[in-house]
C-alpha atoms as a PDB file:
ATOM      1  CA  UNK A   1       0.000   0.000   0.000  1.00  0.00           C
ATOM      2  CA  UNK A   2       1.422   3.346  -0.969  1.00  0.00           C
ATOM      3  CA  UNK A   3       1.738   6.211   1.452  1.00  0.00           C
ATOM      4  CA  UNK A   4      -0.245   9.437   1.316  1.00  0.00           C
ATOM      5  CA  UNK A   5       2.662  11.483  -0.083  1.00  0.00           C
ATOM      6  CA  UNK A   6       3.013   9.111  -3.060  1.00  0.00           C
ATOM      7  CA  UNK A   7      -0.734   9.319  -3.723  1.00  0.00           C
ATOM      8  CA  UNK A   8      -0.653  13.114  -3.541  1.00  0.00           C
ATOM      9  CA  UNK A   9       2.244  13.242  -5.999  1.00  0.00           C
ATOM     10  CA  UNK A  10       0.145  11.158  -8.430  1.00  0.00           C
ATOM     11  CA  UNK A  11      -2.726  13.600  -8.100  1.00  0.00           C
ATOM     12  CA  UNK A  12      -4.952  11.815  -5.575  1.00  0.00           C
ATOM     13  CA  UNK A  13      -6.630  14.313  -3.289  1.00  0.00           C
ATOM     14  CA  UNK A  14      -6.853  12.181  -0.170  1.00  0.00           C
ATOM     15  CA  UNK A  15      -6.219   8.757   1.284  1.00  0.00           C
ATOM     16  CA  UNK A  16      -8.730   6.059   0.309  1.00  0.00           C
ATOM     17  CA  UNK A  17     -11.891   6.143   2.355  1.00  0.00           C
ATOM     18  CA  UNK A  18     -12.832   2.957   4.226  1.00  0.00           C
ATOM     19  CA  UNK A  19     -15.197   0.508   2.560  1.00  0.00           C
ATOM     20  CA  UNK A  20     -18.848   0.541   3.570  1.00  0.00           C
ATOM     21  CA  UNK A  21     -20.091  -1.821   6.217  1.00  0.00           C
ATOM     22  CA  UNK A  22     -21.583  -4.760   4.239  1.00  0.00           C
ATOM     23  CA  UNK A  23     -24.787  -4.696   6.298  1.00  0.00           C
ATOM     24  CA  UNK A  24     -25.329  -1.008   5.541  1.00  0.00           C
ATOM     25  CA  UNK A  25     -24.600  -1.664   1.862  1.00  0.00           C
ATOM     26  CA  UNK A  26     -27.082  -4.562   1.898  1.00  0.00           C
ATOM     27  CA  UNK A  27     -29.811  -2.405   3.391  1.00  0.00           C
ATOM     28  CA  UNK A  28     -29.092   0.300   0.793  1.00  0.00           C
ATOM     29  CA  UNK A  29     -29.316  -2.279  -1.997  1.00  0.00           C
ATOM     30  CA  UNK A  30     -32.644  -3.443  -0.583  1.00  0.00           C
ATOM     31  CA  UNK A  31     -33.914   0.128  -0.663  1.00  0.00           C
ATOM     32  CA  UNK A  32     -32.791   0.471  -4.297  1.00  0.00           C
ATOM     33  CA  UNK A  33     -34.674  -2.738  -5.108  1.00  0.00           C
ATOM     34  CA  UNK A  34     -37.796  -1.501  -3.302  1.00  0.00           C
ATOM     35  CA  UNK A  35     -37.592   1.820  -5.158  1.00  0.00           C
ATOM     36  CA  UNK A  36     -37.244  -0.050  -8.449  1.00  0.00           C
ATOM     37  CA  UNK A  37     -40.386  -2.068  -7.737  1.00  0.00           C
ATOM     38  CA  UNK A  38     -42.307   1.055  -6.708  1.00  0.00           C
ATOM     39  CA  UNK A  39     -41.212   3.332  -9.566  1.00  0.00           C
ATOM     40  CA  UNK A  40     -40.663   0.920 -12.453  1.00  0.00           C
ATOM     41  CA  UNK A  41     -42.950  -1.951 -11.574  1.00  0.00           C
ATOM     42  CA  UNK A  42     -40.173  -4.554 -11.673  1.00  0.00           C
ATOM     43  CA  UNK A  43     -36.918  -5.411  -9.952  1.00  0.00           C
ATOM     44  CA  UNK A  44     -33.323  -5.065 -11.037  1.00  0.00           C
ATOM     45  CA  UNK A  45     -31.152  -7.252 -13.253  1.00  0.00           C
ATOM     46  CA  UNK A  46     -28.205  -7.014 -15.618  1.00  0.00           C
ATOM     47  CA  UNK A  47     -28.069 -10.019 -17.942  1.00  0.00           C
ATOM     48  CA  UNK A  48     -30.806  -8.631 -20.171  1.00  0.00           C
ATOM     49  CA  UNK A  49     -28.626  -5.586 -20.878  1.00  0.00           C
ATOM     50  CA  UNK A  50     -25.661  -7.699 -21.968  1.00  0.00           C
ATOM     51  CA  UNK A  51     -27.971  -9.808 -24.130  1.00  0.00           C
ATOM     52  CA  UNK A  52     -29.267  -6.635 -25.775  1.00  0.00           C
ATOM     53  CA  UNK A  53     -25.704  -5.368 -26.295  1.00  0.00           C
ATOM     54  CA  UNK A  54     -24.791  -8.678 -27.931  1.00  0.00           C
ATOM     55  CA  UNK A  55     -27.898  -8.507 -30.107  1.00  0.00           C
ATOM     56  CA  UNK A  56     -27.015  -4.953 -31.196  1.00  0.00           C
ATOM     57  CA  UNK A  57     -23.464  -6.033 -32.072  1.00  0.00           C
ATOM     58  CA  UNK A  58     -24.744  -9.030 -34.025  1.00  0.00           C
ATOM     59  CA  UNK A  59     -27.330  -6.882 -35.805  1.00  0.00           C
ATOM     60  CA  UNK A  60     -24.540  -4.544 -36.914  1.00  0.00           C
ATOM     61  CA  UNK A  61     -22.681  -7.357 -38.716  1.00  0.00           C
ATOM     62  CA  UNK A  62     -25.457  -9.827 -39.586  1.00  0.00           C
ATOM     63  CA  UNK A  63     -28.850  -8.088 -39.538  1.00  0.00           C
ATOM     64  CA  UNK A  64     -30.553 -10.794 -41.600  1.00  0.00           C
ATOM     65  CA  UNK A  65     -29.530 -13.458 -39.070  1.00  0.00           C
ATOM     66  CA  UNK A  66     -30.971 -11.395 -36.226  1.00  0.00           C
ATOM     67  CA  UNK A  67     -34.233 -10.844 -38.118  1.00  0.00           C
ATOM     68  CA  UNK A  68     -34.633 -14.583 -38.813  1.00  0.00           C
ATOM     69  CA  UNK A  69     -33.630 -15.799 -35.331  1.00  0.00           C
ATOM     70  CA  UNK A  70     -36.483 -16.562 -32.938  1.00  0.00           C
ATOM     71  CA  UNK A  71     -34.252 -15.603 -29.992  1.00  0.00           C
ATOM     72  CA  UNK A  72     -32.716 -12.370 -31.300  1.00  0.00           C
ATOM     73  CA  UNK A  73     -35.726 -11.051 -33.188  1.00  0.00           C
ATOM     74  CA  UNK A  74     -37.648 -10.599 -29.912  1.00  0.00           C
ATOM     75  CA  UNK A  75     -35.230  -7.828 -28.911  1.00  0.00           C
ATOM     76  CA  UNK A  76     -35.234  -5.966 -32.223  1.00  0.00           C
ATOM     77  CA  UNK A  77     -38.940  -6.030 -33.011  1.00  0.00           C
ATOM     78  CA  UNK A  78     -40.818  -2.761 -32.710  1.00  0.00           C
ATOM     79  CA  UNK A  79     -39.991   0.850 -33.428  1.00  0.00           C
ATOM     80  CA  UNK A  80     -37.352   1.382 -30.717  1.00  0.00           C
ATOM     81  CA  UNK A  81     -33.655   0.563 -30.931  1.00  0.00           C
ATOM     82  CA  UNK A  82     -32.537  -2.654 -29.259  1.00  0.00           C
ATOM     83  CA  UNK A  83     -30.442  -0.677 -26.740  1.00  0.00           C
ATOM     84  CA  UNK A  84     -33.340   1.610 -25.792  1.00  0.00           C
ATOM     85  CA  UNK A  85     -34.286  -0.443 -22.731  1.00  0.00           C
ATOM     86  CA  UNK A  86     -34.351   0.271 -19.007  1.00  0.00           C
ATOM     87  CA  UNK A  87     -31.869  -2.553 -18.321  1.00  0.00           C
ATOM     88  CA  UNK A  88     -29.258  -0.957 -20.580  1.00  0.00           C
ATOM     89  CA  UNK A  89     -29.659   2.410 -18.868  1.00  0.00           C
ATOM     90  CA  UNK A  90     -29.480   0.751 -15.447  1.00  0.00           C
ATOM     91  CA  UNK A  91     -26.199  -1.016 -16.283  1.00  0.00           C
ATOM     92  CA  UNK A  92     -24.713   2.204 -17.685  1.00  0.00           C
ATOM     93  CA  UNK A  93     -25.805   3.974 -14.490  1.00  0.00           C
ATOM     94  CA  UNK A  94     -24.212   1.278 -12.320  1.00  0.00           C
ATOM     95  CA  UNK A  95     -20.934   1.629 -14.243  1.00  0.00           C
ATOM     96  CA  UNK A  96     -20.917   5.446 -14.073  1.00  0.00           C
ATOM     97  CA  UNK A  97     -21.962   5.426 -10.405  1.00  0.00           C
ATOM     98  CA  UNK A  98     -19.225   2.933  -9.527  1.00  0.00           C
ATOM     99  CA  UNK A  99     -16.635   4.974 -11.413  1.00  0.00           C
ATOM    100  CA  UNK A 100     -17.658   8.244  -9.749  1.00  0.00           C
ATOM    101  CA  UNK A 101     -17.797   6.713  -6.266  1.00  0.00           C
ATOM    102  CA  UNK A 102     -14.374   5.071  -6.673  1.00  0.00           C
ATOM    103  CA  UNK A 103     -12.904   8.416  -7.743  1.00  0.00           C
ATOM    104  CA  UNK A 104     -14.540  10.251  -4.832  1.00  0.00           C
ATOM    105  CA  UNK A 105     -13.376   7.566  -2.384  1.00  0.00           C
ATOM    106  CA  UNK A 106      -9.796   7.764  -3.701  1.00  0.00           C
ATOM    107  CA  UNK A 107      -9.838   4.096  -4.694  1.00  0.00           C
ATOM    108  CA  UNK A 108      -9.552   4.279  -8.493  1.00  0.00           C
ATOM    109  CA  UNK A 109      -6.251   2.780  -9.541  1.00  0.00           C
ATOM    110  CA  UNK A 110      -5.255   0.551 -12.439  1.00  0.00           C
ATOM    111  CA  UNK A 111      -4.327  -3.036 -11.757  1.00  0.00           C
ATOM    112  CA  UNK A 112      -5.430  -6.642 -11.806  1.00  0.00           C
ATOM    113  CA  UNK A 113      -6.427  -8.165  -8.486  1.00  0.00           C
ATOM    114  CA  UNK A 114      -4.853 -11.590  -8.252  1.00  0.00           C
ATOM    115  CA  UNK A 115      -3.178 -14.000  -5.907  1.00  0.00           C
ATOM    116  CA  UNK A 116       0.587 -14.486  -5.684  1.00  0.00           C
ATOM    117  CA  UNK A 117       0.534 -17.802  -7.598  1.00  0.00           C
ATOM    118  CA  UNK A 118      -1.259 -16.620 -10.731  1.00  0.00           C
ATOM    119  CA  UNK A 119      -0.054 -14.278 -13.446  1.00  0.00           C
ATOM    120  CA  UNK A 120      -1.958 -11.377 -14.961  1.00  0.00           C
ATOM    121  CA  UNK A 121      -2.754 -13.110 -18.276  1.00  0.00           C
ATOM    122  CA  UNK A 122      -4.079 -16.346 -16.698  1.00  0.00           C
ATOM    123  CA  UNK A 123      -6.111 -14.259 -14.220  1.00  0.00           C
ATOM    124  CA  UNK A 124      -7.677 -12.238 -17.036  1.00  0.00           C
ATOM    125  CA  UNK A 125      -8.311 -15.418 -19.051  1.00  0.00           C
ATOM    126  CA  UNK A 126     -10.044 -17.043 -16.079  1.00  0.00           C
ATOM    127  CA  UNK A 127     -12.104 -13.891 -15.485  1.00  0.00           C
ATOM    128  CA  UNK A 128     -13.173 -13.811 -19.141  1.00  0.00           C
ATOM    129  CA  UNK A 129     -14.018 -17.521 -19.160  1.00  0.00           C
ATOM    130  CA  UNK A 130     -15.994 -17.155 -15.935  1.00  0.00           C
ATOM    131  CA  UNK A 131     -17.842 -14.119 -17.277  1.00  0.00           C
ATOM    132  CA  UNK A 132     -18.784 -15.883 -20.511  1.00  0.00           C
ATOM    133  CA  UNK A 133     -19.918 -18.969 -18.587  1.00  0.00           C
ATOM    134  CA  UNK A 134     -21.965 -16.869 -16.160  1.00  0.00           C
ATOM    135  CA  UNK A 135     -23.501 -14.865 -19.012  1.00  0.00           C
ATOM    136  CA  UNK A 136     -24.539 -18.030 -20.833  1.00  0.00           C
ATOM    137  CA  UNK A 137     -25.875 -19.559 -17.630  1.00  0.00           C
ATOM    138  CA  UNK A 138     -27.780 -16.373 -16.798  1.00  0.00           C
ATOM    139  CA  UNK A 139     -29.614 -16.555 -20.104  1.00  0.00           C
ATOM    140  CA  UNK A 140     -30.418 -20.240 -19.506  1.00  0.00           C
ATOM    141  CA  UNK A 141     -31.639 -19.467 -15.980  1.00  0.00           C
ATOM    142  CA  UNK A 142     -33.705 -16.550 -17.315  1.00  0.00           C
ATOM    143  CA  UNK A 143     -31.811 -14.051 -15.206  1.00  0.00           C
ATOM    144  CA  UNK A 144     -28.543 -13.202 -13.530  1.00  0.00           C
ATOM    145  CA  UNK A 145     -27.846 -13.245  -9.821  1.00  0.00           C
ATOM    146  CA  UNK A 146     -29.268  -9.754  -9.393  1.00  0.00           C
ATOM    147  CA  UNK A 147     -32.429 -10.564 -11.318  1.00  0.00           C
ATOM    148  CA  UNK A 148     -32.924 -14.062  -9.945  1.00  0.00           C
ATOM    149  CA  UNK A 149     -31.651 -13.710  -6.395  1.00  0.00           C
ATOM    150  CA  UNK A 150     -32.547 -10.135  -5.522  1.00  0.00           C
ATOM    151  CA  UNK A 151     -35.687  -9.492  -7.531  1.00  0.00           C
ATOM    152  CA  UNK A 152     -36.973 -13.076  -7.602  1.00  0.00           C
ATOM    153  CA  UNK A 153     -35.989 -13.664  -3.986  1.00  0.00           C
ATOM    154  CA  UNK A 154     -37.811 -10.501  -2.910  1.00  0.00           C
ATOM    155  CA  UNK A 155     -40.931 -11.882  -4.611  1.00  0.00           C
ATOM    156  CA  UNK A 156     -40.401 -15.201  -2.752  1.00  0.00           C
ATOM    157  CA  UNK A 157     -40.003 -17.137  -5.994  1.00  0.00           C
ATOM    158  CA  UNK A 158     -39.032 -20.719  -5.128  1.00  0.00           C
ATOM    159  CA  UNK A 159     -36.943 -21.033  -8.298  1.00  0.00           C
ATOM    160  CA  UNK A 160     -34.971 -17.913  -7.377  1.00  0.00           C
ATOM    161  CA  UNK A 161     -34.240 -19.225  -3.888  1.00  0.00           C
ATOM    162  CA  UNK A 162     -33.096 -22.578  -5.321  1.00  0.00           C
ATOM    163  CA  UNK A 163     -30.955 -20.723  -7.863  1.00  0.00           C
ATOM    164  CA  UNK A 164     -29.245 -18.660  -5.171  1.00  0.00           C
ATOM    165  CA  UNK A 165     -28.578 -21.676  -2.969  1.00  0.00           C
ATOM    166  CA  UNK A 166     -27.039 -23.401  -6.006  1.00  0.00           C
ATOM    167  CA  UNK A 167     -24.882 -20.324  -6.717  1.00  0.00           C
ATOM    168  CA  UNK A 168     -23.525 -20.322  -3.164  1.00  0.00           C
ATOM    169  CA  UNK A 169     -22.938 -24.089  -3.179  1.00  0.00           C
ATOM    170  CA  UNK A 170     -21.162 -23.914  -6.540  1.00  0.00           C
ATOM    171  CA  UNK A 171     -19.108 -20.904  -5.440  1.00  0.00           C
ATOM    172  CA  UNK A 172     -17.942 -22.583  -2.239  1.00  0.00           C
ATOM    173  CA  UNK A 173     -17.212 -25.821  -4.090  1.00  0.00           C
ATOM    174  CA  UNK A 174     -15.133 -24.083  -6.748  1.00  0.00           C
ATOM    175  CA  UNK A 175     -13.384 -21.970  -4.108  1.00  0.00           C
ATOM    176  CA  UNK A 176     -12.056 -25.172  -2.527  1.00  0.00           C
ATOM    177  CA  UNK A 177     -10.442 -26.041  -5.861  1.00  0.00           C
ATOM    178  CA  UNK A 178      -9.036 -22.598  -6.667  1.00  0.00           C
ATOM    179  CA  UNK A 179      -8.207 -21.091  -3.279  1.00  0.00           C
ATOM    180  CA  UNK A 180      -4.533 -22.083  -3.431  1.00  0.00           C
ATOM    181  CA  UNK A 181      -4.174 -19.630  -6.324  1.00  0.00           C
ATOM    182  CA  UNK A 182      -4.984 -16.813  -3.897  1.00  0.00           C
ATOM    183  CA  UNK A 183      -2.996 -17.860  -0.830  1.00  0.00           C
END
């Protein structure tokens, strides 16, 4: 960890602020979810935005395939652009909000978080592979962890509760296999 003088010489205004208490952050997330239900009529989620981004990219290079596909054509039908959707705006807002808050907290710095036994390239490859796998699984499960666990769990959907228990079980199981990379 660098000292305050080094940070000031790089242009940082202050030392990093402490992280939020996870219980306070959880309550705040619950209030965001409640507000989403009250104002928008539905909960939060992110996988739909990435699916729409993928559909827009595919439509840019192969529009006839998108028009003929039963899966992709659902997103492009109608008069509005495929990216003109509340999920896309929510994900953009989450990114911008995270960027602004990390700058204000003095925590924005380049780097790859990794354990001492794994290089940068393998870490990025594993992150990409995990992201692709999770994205594919989220579409199969009809929602990501935020959509299934938070929104579905808040509605007491049995499938969402089973999904979240499976996510935790799978995460703990995989952690047993990969934890030596981080120690």
